[in-house]
C-alpha atoms as a PDB file:
ATOM      1  CA  UNK A   1       0.000   0.000   0.000  1.00  0.00           C
ATOM      2  CA  UNK A   2       2.890   2.390   0.618  1.00  0.00           C
ATOM      3  CA  UNK A   3       3.885   2.246  -3.051  1.00  0.00           C
ATOM      4  CA  UNK A   4       0.365   3.322  -4.021  1.00  0.00           C
ATOM      5  CA  UNK A   5       0.592   6.311  -1.704  1.00  0.00           C
ATOM      6  CA  UNK A   6       3.958   7.254  -3.163  1.00  0.00           C
ATOM      7  CA  UNK A   7       2.453   7.168  -6.621  1.00  0.00           C
ATOM      8  CA  UNK A   8      -0.424   9.513  -5.809  1.00  0.00           C
ATOM      9  CA  UNK A   9      -0.505  11.966  -8.647  1.00  0.00           C
ATOM     10  CA  UNK A  10      -1.515  15.596  -8.337  1.00  0.00           C
ATOM     11  CA  UNK A  11      -2.363  17.268 -11.589  1.00  0.00           C
ATOM     12  CA  UNK A  12      -2.906  21.006 -11.516  1.00  0.00           C
ATOM     13  CA  UNK A  13      -4.279  23.520 -13.925  1.00  0.00           C
ATOM     14  CA  UNK A  14      -2.451  23.742 -17.208  1.00  0.00           C
ATOM     15  CA  UNK A  15      -3.132  24.976 -20.713  1.00  0.00           C
ATOM     16  CA  UNK A  16      -3.379  23.244 -24.072  1.00  0.00           C
ATOM     17  CA  UNK A  17      -2.441  24.711 -27.420  1.00  0.00           C
ATOM     18  CA  UNK A  18      -5.949  26.169 -27.502  1.00  0.00           C
ATOM     19  CA  UNK A  19      -5.272  27.890 -24.167  1.00  0.00           C
ATOM     20  CA  UNK A  20      -8.368  26.313 -22.639  1.00  0.00           C
ATOM     21  CA  UNK A  21      -8.166  25.697 -18.919  1.00  0.00           C
ATOM     22  CA  UNK A  22      -8.360  22.075 -17.837  1.00  0.00           C
ATOM     23  CA  UNK A  23      -9.791  20.918 -14.524  1.00  0.00           C
ATOM     24  CA  UNK A  24      -7.685  20.463 -11.431  1.00  0.00           C
ATOM     25  CA  UNK A  25      -7.731  16.883 -10.200  1.00  0.00           C
ATOM     26  CA  UNK A  26      -5.740  14.318  -8.278  1.00  0.00           C
ATOM     27  CA  UNK A  27      -5.363  10.562  -8.607  1.00  0.00           C
ATOM     28  CA  UNK A  28      -5.365   8.543  -5.406  1.00  0.00           C
ATOM     29  CA  UNK A  29      -5.846   5.013  -4.208  1.00  0.00           C
ATOM     30  CA  UNK A  30      -9.513   4.114  -3.863  1.00  0.00           C
ATOM     31  CA  UNK A  31     -11.131   3.900  -0.447  1.00  0.00           C
ATOM     32  CA  UNK A  32     -14.723   3.042   0.448  1.00  0.00           C
ATOM     33  CA  UNK A  33     -15.526   6.635   1.392  1.00  0.00           C
ATOM     34  CA  UNK A  34     -15.871   7.273  -2.369  1.00  0.00           C
ATOM     35  CA  UNK A  35     -17.852   4.111  -3.227  1.00  0.00           C
ATOM     36  CA  UNK A  36     -21.261   5.648  -3.963  1.00  0.00           C
ATOM     37  CA  UNK A  37     -19.817   8.624  -5.832  1.00  0.00           C
ATOM     38  CA  UNK A  38     -17.672   6.295  -7.952  1.00  0.00           C
ATOM     39  CA  UNK A  39     -20.668   4.105  -8.770  1.00  0.00           C
ATOM     40  CA  UNK A  40     -22.666   7.176  -9.805  1.00  0.00           C
ATOM     41  CA  UNK A  41     -19.789   8.299 -12.066  1.00  0.00           C
ATOM     42  CA  UNK A  42     -19.536   4.833 -13.690  1.00  0.00           C
ATOM     43  CA  UNK A  43     -23.289   4.733 -14.327  1.00  0.00           C
ATOM     44  CA  UNK A  44     -23.100   8.196 -15.925  1.00  0.00           C
ATOM     45  CA  UNK A  45     -20.214   7.077 -18.141  1.00  0.00           C
ATOM     46  CA  UNK A  46     -22.127   3.987 -19.260  1.00  0.00           C
ATOM     47  CA  UNK A  47     -25.260   6.026 -19.941  1.00  0.00           C
ATOM     48  CA  UNK A  48     -23.227   8.357 -22.177  1.00  0.00           C
ATOM     49  CA  UNK A  49     -22.211   5.275 -24.201  1.00  0.00           C
ATOM     50  CA  UNK A  50     -25.909   4.537 -24.802  1.00  0.00           C
ATOM     51  CA  UNK A  51     -25.500   1.423 -22.697  1.00  0.00           C
ATOM     52  CA  UNK A  52     -28.140   0.408 -20.185  1.00  0.00           C
ATOM     53  CA  UNK A  53     -26.517   1.599 -16.969  1.00  0.00           C
ATOM     54  CA  UNK A  54     -25.628  -1.302 -14.717  1.00  0.00           C
ATOM     55  CA  UNK A  55     -22.883  -1.697 -12.192  1.00  0.00           C
ATOM     56  CA  UNK A  56     -20.162  -4.295 -12.526  1.00  0.00           C
ATOM     57  CA  UNK A  57     -20.221  -6.554  -9.429  1.00  0.00           C
ATOM     58  CA  UNK A  58     -16.495  -6.029  -8.764  1.00  0.00           C
ATOM     59  CA  UNK A  59     -17.129  -2.315  -8.157  1.00  0.00           C
ATOM     60  CA  UNK A  60     -19.421  -3.066  -5.233  1.00  0.00           C
ATOM     61  CA  UNK A  61     -16.506  -4.415  -3.180  1.00  0.00           C
ATOM     62  CA  UNK A  62     -13.154  -3.032  -4.343  1.00  0.00           C
ATOM     63  CA  UNK A  63     -11.349  -4.350  -1.260  1.00  0.00           C
ATOM     64  CA  UNK A  64     -12.301  -7.987  -1.919  1.00  0.00           C
ATOM     65  CA  UNK A  65     -12.058  -7.859  -5.706  1.00  0.00           C
ATOM     66  CA  UNK A  66      -8.805  -5.892  -5.982  1.00  0.00           C
ATOM     67  CA  UNK A  67      -6.888  -5.134  -2.779  1.00  0.00           C
ATOM     68  CA  UNK A  68      -7.288  -8.545  -1.113  1.00  0.00           C
ATOM     69  CA  UNK A  69      -5.970 -10.201  -4.289  1.00  0.00           C
ATOM     70  CA  UNK A  70      -2.871  -7.984  -4.339  1.00  0.00           C
ATOM     71  CA  UNK A  71      -4.207  -5.829  -7.165  1.00  0.00           C
ATOM     72  CA  UNK A  72      -4.945  -2.103  -7.088  1.00  0.00           C
ATOM     73  CA  UNK A  73      -7.657   0.450  -7.895  1.00  0.00           C
ATOM     74  CA  UNK A  74      -7.453   4.247  -8.187  1.00  0.00           C
ATOM     75  CA  UNK A  75      -9.865   7.125  -8.561  1.00  0.00           C
ATOM     76  CA  UNK A  76      -9.497  10.651  -9.903  1.00  0.00           C
ATOM     77  CA  UNK A  77     -11.019  13.385  -7.755  1.00  0.00           C
ATOM     78  CA  UNK A  78     -11.878  16.934  -8.749  1.00  0.00           C
ATOM     79  CA  UNK A  79     -11.234  20.013  -6.611  1.00  0.00           C
ATOM     80  CA  UNK A  80     -14.448  19.248  -4.662  1.00  0.00           C
ATOM     81  CA  UNK A  81     -13.342  15.651  -3.927  1.00  0.00           C
ATOM     82  CA  UNK A  82     -15.942  14.243  -6.324  1.00  0.00           C
ATOM     83  CA  UNK A  83     -15.027  11.133  -8.316  1.00  0.00           C
ATOM     84  CA  UNK A  84     -14.409  11.968 -11.979  1.00  0.00           C
ATOM     85  CA  UNK A  85     -12.521   8.843 -13.067  1.00  0.00           C
ATOM     86  CA  UNK A  86     -11.448   5.337 -12.109  1.00  0.00           C
ATOM     87  CA  UNK A  87      -9.046   2.567 -13.098  1.00  0.00           C
ATOM     88  CA  UNK A  88      -7.912  -0.751 -11.672  1.00  0.00           C
ATOM     89  CA  UNK A  89      -6.073  -3.885 -12.651  1.00  0.00           C
ATOM     90  CA  UNK A  90      -5.967  -7.580 -11.928  1.00  0.00           C
ATOM     91  CA  UNK A  91      -3.010  -9.904 -12.283  1.00  0.00           C
ATOM     92  CA  UNK A  92      -3.860 -12.439 -15.003  1.00  0.00           C
ATOM     93  CA  UNK A  93      -0.446 -14.092 -15.413  1.00  0.00           C
ATOM     94  CA  UNK A  94       2.843 -13.657 -13.613  1.00  0.00           C
ATOM     95  CA  UNK A  95       4.118 -10.212 -14.638  1.00  0.00           C
ATOM     96  CA  UNK A  96       0.960  -9.393 -16.664  1.00  0.00           C
ATOM     97  CA  UNK A  97      -1.875  -7.121 -15.558  1.00  0.00           C
ATOM     98  CA  UNK A  98      -5.297  -6.666 -17.140  1.00  0.00           C
ATOM     99  CA  UNK A  99      -6.658  -3.120 -16.917  1.00  0.00           C
ATOM    100  CA  UNK A 100     -10.215  -2.782 -15.617  1.00  0.00           C
ATOM    101  CA  UNK A 101     -12.789  -0.061 -15.221  1.00  0.00           C
ATOM    102  CA  UNK A 102     -11.153   2.974 -16.817  1.00  0.00           C
ATOM    103  CA  UNK A 103     -14.125   5.309 -16.720  1.00  0.00           C
ATOM    104  CA  UNK A 104     -14.147   9.085 -16.980  1.00  0.00           C
ATOM    105  CA  UNK A 105     -17.044  11.388 -16.181  1.00  0.00           C
ATOM    106  CA  UNK A 106     -18.480  11.982 -19.683  1.00  0.00           C
ATOM    107  CA  UNK A 107     -18.255  15.784 -19.743  1.00  0.00           C
ATOM    108  CA  UNK A 108     -14.591  15.640 -18.652  1.00  0.00           C
ATOM    109  CA  UNK A 109     -13.228  13.314 -21.342  1.00  0.00           C
ATOM    110  CA  UNK A 110     -10.142  14.393 -23.322  1.00  0.00           C
ATOM    111  CA  UNK A 111      -8.787  16.520 -20.501  1.00  0.00           C
ATOM    112  CA  UNK A 112      -5.898  14.344 -19.330  1.00  0.00           C
ATOM    113  CA  UNK A 113      -7.740  12.426 -16.617  1.00  0.00           C
ATOM    114  CA  UNK A 114      -7.638   9.055 -18.385  1.00  0.00           C
ATOM    115  CA  UNK A 115      -3.967   9.537 -19.232  1.00  0.00           C
ATOM    116  CA  UNK A 116      -3.142  10.379 -15.603  1.00  0.00           C
ATOM    117  CA  UNK A 117      -4.998   7.292 -14.372  1.00  0.00           C
ATOM    118  CA  UNK A 118      -3.309   5.040 -16.943  1.00  0.00           C
ATOM    119  CA  UNK A 119       0.125   6.517 -16.122  1.00  0.00           C
ATOM    120  CA  UNK A 120      -0.464   5.903 -12.406  1.00  0.00           C
ATOM    121  CA  UNK A 121      -1.384   2.273 -13.059  1.00  0.00           C
ATOM    122  CA  UNK A 122       1.505   1.732 -15.491  1.00  0.00           C
ATOM    123  CA  UNK A 123       4.101   3.193 -13.124  1.00  0.00           C
ATOM    124  CA  UNK A 124       2.750   1.145 -10.222  1.00  0.00           C
ATOM    125  CA  UNK A 125       2.831  -2.213 -12.024  1.00  0.00           C
ATOM    126  CA  UNK A 126       6.278  -1.486 -13.497  1.00  0.00           C
ATOM    127  CA  UNK A 127       7.564  -0.865  -9.964  1.00  0.00           C
ATOM    128  CA  UNK A 128       6.094  -4.250  -8.984  1.00  0.00           C
ATOM    129  CA  UNK A 129       7.990  -5.954 -11.830  1.00  0.00           C
ATOM    130  CA  UNK A 130       5.202  -6.433 -14.358  1.00  0.00           C
ATOM    131  CA  UNK A 131       6.195  -6.300 -18.028  1.00  0.00           C
ATOM    132  CA  UNK A 132       2.865  -6.434 -19.877  1.00  0.00           C
ATOM    133  CA  UNK A 133      -0.513  -4.712 -19.738  1.00  0.00           C
ATOM    134  CA  UNK A 134      -3.658  -5.798 -21.540  1.00  0.00           C
ATOM    135  CA  UNK A 135      -7.182  -4.473 -21.882  1.00  0.00           C
ATOM    136  CA  UNK A 136     -10.442  -5.910 -23.210  1.00  0.00           C
ATOM    137  CA  UNK A 137     -11.964  -2.974 -25.080  1.00  0.00           C
ATOM    138  CA  UNK A 138     -15.504  -4.272 -25.500  1.00  0.00           C
ATOM    139  CA  UNK A 139     -17.818  -3.849 -28.448  1.00  0.00           C
ATOM    140  CA  UNK A 140     -18.114  -1.009 -30.975  1.00  0.00           C
ATOM    141  CA  UNK A 141     -19.645   1.358 -28.408  1.00  0.00           C
ATOM    142  CA  UNK A 142     -16.195   1.535 -26.847  1.00  0.00           C
ATOM    143  CA  UNK A 143     -14.446   2.814 -29.988  1.00  0.00           C
ATOM    144  CA  UNK A 144     -13.079   5.819 -28.063  1.00  0.00           C
ATOM    145  CA  UNK A 145     -11.470   3.434 -25.600  1.00  0.00           C
ATOM    146  CA  UNK A 146      -9.785   1.485 -28.371  1.00  0.00           C
ATOM    147  CA  UNK A 147      -8.464   4.709 -29.951  1.00  0.00           C
ATOM    148  CA  UNK A 148      -7.198   5.926 -26.559  1.00  0.00           C
ATOM    149  CA  UNK A 149      -5.212   2.763 -25.856  1.00  0.00           C
ATOM    150  CA  UNK A 150      -3.797   2.588 -29.389  1.00  0.00           C
ATOM    151  CA  UNK A 151      -2.604   6.189 -29.002  1.00  0.00           C
ATOM    152  CA  UNK A 152      -0.837   5.042 -25.811  1.00  0.00           C
ATOM    153  CA  UNK A 153       1.075   2.325 -27.685  1.00  0.00           C
ATOM    154  CA  UNK A 154      -1.230  -0.659 -27.168  1.00  0.00           C
ATOM    155  CA  UNK A 155      -1.543  -3.100 -30.075  1.00  0.00           C
ATOM    156  CA  UNK A 156      -4.560  -5.237 -30.925  1.00  0.00           C
ATOM    157  CA  UNK A 157      -3.507  -8.871 -30.493  1.00  0.00           C
ATOM    158  CA  UNK A 158      -6.993 -10.407 -30.717  1.00  0.00           C
ATOM    159  CA  UNK A 159     -10.395  -8.912 -31.483  1.00  0.00           C
ATOM    160  CA  UNK A 160     -11.102  -6.388 -28.712  1.00  0.00           C
ATOM    161  CA  UNK A 161      -7.887  -7.270 -26.810  1.00  0.00           C
ATOM    162  CA  UNK A 162      -5.052  -4.751 -26.788  1.00  0.00           C
ATOM    163  CA  UNK A 163      -1.637  -5.326 -25.195  1.00  0.00           C
ATOM    164  CA  UNK A 164       1.474  -3.328 -24.446  1.00  0.00           C
ATOM    165  CA  UNK A 165       4.905  -4.368 -23.211  1.00  0.00           C
ATOM    166  CA  UNK A 166       6.074  -2.011 -20.488  1.00  0.00           C
END
């Protein structure tokens, strides 16, 4: 758990080439205090994808489904400590992690939150000695997800499975 605390990322205000201000947020290890807010954010993200909002069972008990297995889960919080993003991973093979539940509040996409969450996860698993990440990108409704991961160097190795050596 100490490594996760060391990897807490604080991202401040900065400007893009368009000089538009981006939101201030921080990435931190999940704790149950944020459970309901995270679930609300995930349901909003799914609704924006025109998917019937439902909650994945693993999100109802992060401790059991991630922490107790030696895996990790993070959230992004805005300046009001509201959940605006999430990401986690599970170990699927020795030295290989599968990314789970990268969700961003729909109105805050393309503002660096997903990249900060993915960087936090990547740095954490590299420190733990992992050498490969993979992600199941889902069906065609998740085309933005597939484009995001490909832009981050992931390659499609099977239909809807992307991988990256780290």
